[in-house]
Protein backbone atom coordinates (compact mmCIF):
# COMPACT_ATOMS: atom_id res chain seq x y z
CA MET A 1 -0.06 -0.25 0.28
CA SER A 2 1.23 3.49 -0.72
CA PHE A 3 2.01 6.08 1.85
CA ASP A 4 -0.96 8.51 2.24
CA LEU A 5 0.46 11.92 2.85
CA PRO A 6 -2.69 13.69 3.31
CA LEU A 7 -3.85 11.04 6.17
CA HIS A 8 -0.17 11.05 7.73
CA ILE A 9 -0.63 15.10 8.10
CA SER A 10 -4.01 14.64 9.33
CA HIS A 11 -3.06 12.37 12.29
CA SER A 12 -0.15 14.76 13.05
CA LEU A 13 -2.41 17.58 13.17
CA LEU A 14 -4.75 16.35 15.18
CA ILE A 15 -1.86 15.14 17.67
CA THR A 16 -0.39 18.22 17.49
CA THR A 17 -3.59 20.34 18.13
CA GLY A 18 -4.31 17.53 21.18
CA THR A 19 -7.75 17.06 19.56
CA GLN A 20 -9.43 13.93 21.19
CA VAL A 21 -11.76 12.43 18.88
CA SER A 22 -14.57 9.77 19.33
CA VAL A 23 -15.90 8.27 16.04
CA ARG A 24 -19.59 6.85 16.29
CA HIS A 25 -20.86 4.30 13.92
CA ALA A 26 -17.53 3.87 12.01
CA GLU A 27 -19.15 0.54 10.53
CA ARG A 28 -21.35 2.43 8.45
CA ILE A 29 -18.20 3.64 6.42
CA PRO A 30 -18.22 1.84 2.75
CA SER A 31 -15.29 -0.13 2.33
CA MET A 32 -15.31 0.44 -1.56
CA GLY A 33 -16.87 2.10 -4.47
CA ALA A 34 -17.26 5.95 -5.23
CA MET A 35 -18.15 7.95 -2.48
CA LEU A 36 -19.11 11.68 -1.97
CA VAL A 37 -18.60 12.89 2.13
CA ILE A 38 -20.45 15.62 3.19
CA SER A 39 -20.27 17.48 6.75
CA ASN A 40 -20.68 20.45 8.89
CA HIS A 41 -17.96 23.11 8.71
CA ARG A 42 -16.60 25.09 11.34
CA SER A 43 -12.69 24.64 11.66
CA PHE A 44 -9.72 23.85 9.66
CA LEU A 45 -9.40 20.85 11.44
CA ASP A 46 -12.62 19.74 10.17
CA LEU A 47 -10.93 18.25 7.09
CA PRO A 48 -8.47 15.95 9.07
CA LEU A 49 -10.89 14.87 11.49
CA VAL A 50 -12.85 13.28 8.49
CA MET A 51 -9.86 11.62 6.94
CA ASN A 52 -9.21 10.29 10.07
CA ALA A 53 -12.20 8.85 10.82
CA LEU A 54 -12.41 7.13 7.50
CA GLY A 55 -8.80 6.07 7.44
CA ARG A 56 -7.89 7.55 4.25
CA SER A 57 -7.48 10.67 2.63
CA VAL A 58 -10.48 12.53 0.77
CA ARG A 59 -10.49 14.94 -1.85
CA PHE A 60 -11.94 18.15 -0.08
CA ALA A 61 -13.53 21.17 -1.91
CA CYS A 62 -11.97 23.92 -0.46
CA HIS A 63 -13.11 27.68 -0.68
CA HIS A 64 -11.40 30.06 -3.41
CA TYR A 65 -9.85 31.92 -0.78
CA MET A 66 -8.06 29.32 0.64
CA SER A 67 -6.09 28.74 -2.57
CA GLN A 68 -5.31 32.56 -2.34
CA VAL A 69 -3.91 33.10 0.84
CA PRO A 70 0.22 32.48 1.83
CA VAL A 71 0.49 29.43 3.93
CA LEU A 72 -3.22 28.16 3.45
CA LYS A 73 -2.79 27.50 0.02
CA GLU A 74 0.32 25.44 0.88
CA ILE A 75 -1.93 23.55 3.49
CA VAL A 76 -4.76 23.00 1.81
CA SER A 77 -2.67 21.84 -1.49
CA THR A 78 -0.75 19.35 0.73
CA LEU A 79 -3.74 17.89 1.79
CA GLY A 80 -4.90 17.33 -1.61
CA CYS A 81 -7.83 19.67 -1.53
CA VAL A 82 -9.59 21.01 -4.74
CA PRO A 83 -10.17 24.46 -4.88
CA LEU A 84 -13.66 25.89 -5.94
CA ASP A 85 -14.20 28.70 -8.60
CA ALA A 86 -14.27 31.90 -7.61
CA PRO A 87 -17.64 33.40 -6.10
CA GLY A 88 -19.79 34.35 -8.93
CA GLN A 89 -18.35 32.07 -11.30
CA ARG A 90 -20.18 28.38 -12.51
CA ARG A 91 -18.43 25.80 -10.38
CA GLN A 92 -17.91 24.01 -13.78
CA VAL A 93 -13.99 23.39 -13.43
CA PHE A 94 -14.78 22.09 -9.82
CA PHE A 95 -17.28 19.95 -11.13
CA GLU A 96 -15.12 18.50 -13.72
CA GLN A 97 -12.29 17.72 -11.59
CA ALA A 98 -14.62 15.99 -9.07
CA ILE A 99 -16.27 13.89 -11.30
CA ASP A 100 -12.67 12.66 -12.51
CA LEU A 101 -11.67 11.68 -8.84
CA LEU A 102 -15.07 10.09 -8.16
CA GLN A 103 -15.04 7.86 -11.53
CA ALA A 104 -11.53 6.86 -9.86
CA TYR A 105 -13.08 5.76 -6.74
CA GLN A 106 -11.14 8.72 -4.97
CA PRO A 107 -13.47 10.10 -2.20
CA VAL A 108 -14.39 13.50 -2.20
CA GLY A 109 -15.55 15.95 0.50
CA ILE A 110 -17.73 19.03 0.07
CA PHE A 111 -18.88 21.06 2.96
CA PRO A 112 -22.70 21.92 1.86
CA GLU A 113 -22.77 24.98 4.24
CA GLY A 114 -19.96 27.10 2.21
CA ALA A 115 -17.58 29.48 3.94
CA ARG A 116 -19.81 31.47 5.98
CA PRO A 117 -19.69 28.92 9.14
CA MET A 118 -15.77 29.49 8.71
CA VAL A 119 -15.72 33.19 8.33
CA GLN A 120 -18.55 33.98 10.90
CA ALA A 121 -18.40 32.50 14.46
CA THR A 122 -21.24 30.20 15.20
CA ASN A 123 -22.16 27.79 17.85
CA PRO A 124 -21.23 23.96 17.70
CA ASN A 125 -24.53 22.76 17.39
CA GLU A 126 -25.78 25.16 14.65
CA LEU A 127 -26.38 23.95 11.23
CA SER A 128 -26.45 26.53 8.49
CA GLN A 129 -28.55 26.08 5.26
CA PHE A 130 -26.78 23.63 2.62
CA HIS A 131 -26.02 24.67 -0.84
CA ARG A 132 -27.21 22.24 -3.59
CA GLY A 133 -24.12 21.89 -5.28
CA PHE A 134 -23.15 18.55 -3.76
CA ALA A 135 -26.41 16.95 -4.92
CA HIS A 136 -26.19 17.90 -8.14
CA LEU A 137 -22.70 16.71 -8.69
CA ALA A 138 -23.65 13.33 -7.08
CA LEU A 139 -26.50 13.16 -9.28
CA ARG A 140 -24.39 13.87 -12.56
CA VAL A 141 -21.43 11.45 -11.53
CA PRO A 142 -21.44 8.81 -14.36
CA VAL A 143 -20.68 5.92 -12.02
CA GLN A 144 -22.94 2.64 -11.48
CA LYS A 145 -23.25 3.25 -7.66
CA LEU A 146 -22.51 6.27 -5.46
CA ALA A 147 -22.62 7.12 -1.88
CA ILE A 148 -23.27 10.12 -0.15
CA LEU A 149 -21.89 9.69 3.31
CA PRO A 150 -23.19 12.23 5.60
CA VAL A 151 -20.75 13.12 8.66
CA ALA A 152 -21.57 15.33 11.71
CA ILE A 153 -18.64 16.99 13.96
CA SER A 154 -20.19 17.75 17.40
CA ALA A 155 -17.23 19.96 19.09
CA ILE A 156 -17.97 19.26 22.71
CA GLU A 157 -14.86 21.51 23.91
CA GLU A 158 -13.35 24.16 21.72
CA THR A 159 -11.30 27.27 21.70
CA ILE A 160 -12.28 30.53 19.33
CA SER A 161 -9.63 32.94 19.02
CA PRO A 162 -9.56 35.64 16.23
CA MET A 163 -6.77 34.73 13.37
CA ALA A 164 -6.45 38.08 11.12
CA PRO A 165 -8.99 40.88 10.01
CA LEU A 166 -11.41 39.63 7.28
CA LYS A 167 -10.24 42.99 5.45
CA LEU A 168 -6.66 41.12 4.88
CA PHE A 169 -8.29 37.98 3.61
CA SER A 170 -9.81 40.67 0.99
CA LEU A 171 -6.19 41.32 -0.32
CA PHE A 172 -5.59 38.20 -1.56
CA ASP A 173 -9.37 37.05 -2.44
CA PRO A 174 -11.31 40.40 -3.61
CA SER A 175 -13.82 38.29 -5.30
CA GLU A 176 -15.23 37.17 -1.77
CA PRO A 177 -18.15 39.09 -0.15
CA LEU A 178 -17.72 37.54 2.81
CA PHE A 179 -14.49 39.59 3.48
CA ASP A 180 -15.85 42.95 2.71
CA GLN A 181 -17.01 43.65 6.69
CA PRO A 182 -15.43 44.67 9.72
CA GLY A 183 -14.49 41.62 12.18
CA TRP A 184 -12.14 39.18 12.37
CA HIS A 185 -11.87 35.72 10.60
CA PRO A 186 -12.05 33.29 13.63
CA SER A 187 -9.84 30.21 14.41
CA VAL A 188 -11.64 27.27 16.03
CA ASN A 189 -9.55 24.70 17.66
CA TYR A 190 -11.25 21.61 18.66
CA HIS A 191 -10.36 20.17 22.04
CA ARG A 192 -13.01 17.48 22.15
CA VAL A 193 -15.05 16.06 19.34
CA ASN A 194 -17.89 13.39 18.75
CA LEU A 195 -17.81 12.71 15.01
CA SER A 196 -20.92 10.56 13.97
CA VAL A 197 -21.36 8.90 10.69
CA GLY A 198 -24.53 8.54 9.10
CA SER A 199 -26.00 5.97 7.05
CA PRO A 200 -24.61 6.27 3.23
CA ILE A 201 -27.29 7.48 0.82
CA TRP A 202 -26.77 5.62 -2.37
CA ILE A 203 -27.22 7.11 -5.75
CA THR A 204 -28.14 4.49 -8.50
CA ASP A 205 -28.62 4.67 -12.22
CA SER A 206 -32.19 4.45 -11.83
CA LEU A 207 -32.36 7.61 -9.39
CA ARG A 208 -29.73 9.09 -12.06
CA GLU A 209 -32.19 8.82 -15.06
CA GLN A 210 -34.41 10.90 -13.06
CA TYR A 211 -32.19 13.87 -13.09
CA GLN A 212 -33.29 15.56 -16.45
CA GLY A 213 -35.73 18.80 -17.21
CA LYS A 214 -37.40 20.20 -14.67
CA GLN A 215 -37.40 17.15 -12.29
CA ALA A 216 -33.32 17.61 -12.12
CA GLY A 217 -33.82 20.65 -9.98
CA ARG A 218 -36.70 19.18 -7.75
CA LEU A 219 -34.65 15.78 -7.53
CA ALA A 220 -31.61 18.05 -5.92
CA LYS A 221 -33.69 19.86 -3.73
CA VAL A 222 -35.20 16.57 -2.16
CA LEU A 223 -31.35 15.23 -1.85
CA THR A 224 -30.28 18.28 -0.34
CA ARG A 225 -33.02 18.17 2.34
CA SER A 226 -32.84 14.77 3.37
CA CYS A 227 -28.89 15.06 3.93
CA TYR A 228 -29.54 18.11 5.83
CA GLY A 229 -32.02 16.39 8.19
CA GLU A 230 -29.24 13.11 8.57
CA ILE A 231 -26.45 15.57 9.65
CA LYS A 232 -28.56 17.88 11.81
CA ASN A 233 -29.87 14.50 13.88
CA LEU A 234 -26.31 13.22 13.80
CA LEU A 235 -24.96 16.56 15.28
CA ARG A 236 -28.03 16.18 17.80
CA GLU A 237 -26.84 12.79 18.72
CA GLY A 238 -23.04 13.86 19.22
CA PHE A 239 -23.89 16.24 21.85
CA ALA A 240 -26.16 13.65 23.93
């Protein structure tokens, strides 16, 4: 088996930060096949947490600004992240890359809440509205069977500290409207976390055949709502 650098870095980051992780329902993780992982997202530690739980590297989508800011772009590149297209642009480039990865049975990860929970401090038990991009991606991948794996990260103990002024980030990524405001980009450091794995949601050929015309948008909406509900329940379970 080849050396998995992103997974090794993930282990090292969690050890360095002293993050204690309890993984629940690991038996639900598919052992093979194409897999799209979705999770709530508030911290830079979310990527290594998920990789550590799955025991393999995951090619996570990262926000465009992370691929522009010095130090951050080196970190996300080493972790194998795939940058999203700039705000206001169609995500065609990312979709093409993600489809190629999934066809090669490389796990891909997406945080459907987007960048807002990262940029604006939120409570650990909150879940923001999901964007539907991941659902459209899952329904477009031409593989026989694709698993959407919902994951919830419940931060039992954490520390939030200011990282840098938001205006500073706008120097590197002026296309991001979230940076055009006062305040600081928070840095969330987990101390104790429960990571709960949900039941896979399978995208089959028969379901994919329904993804056309006006039905495509409705199907993506239903799939998004289903995944949101699953992660919300898992998040609540993680705090129980």
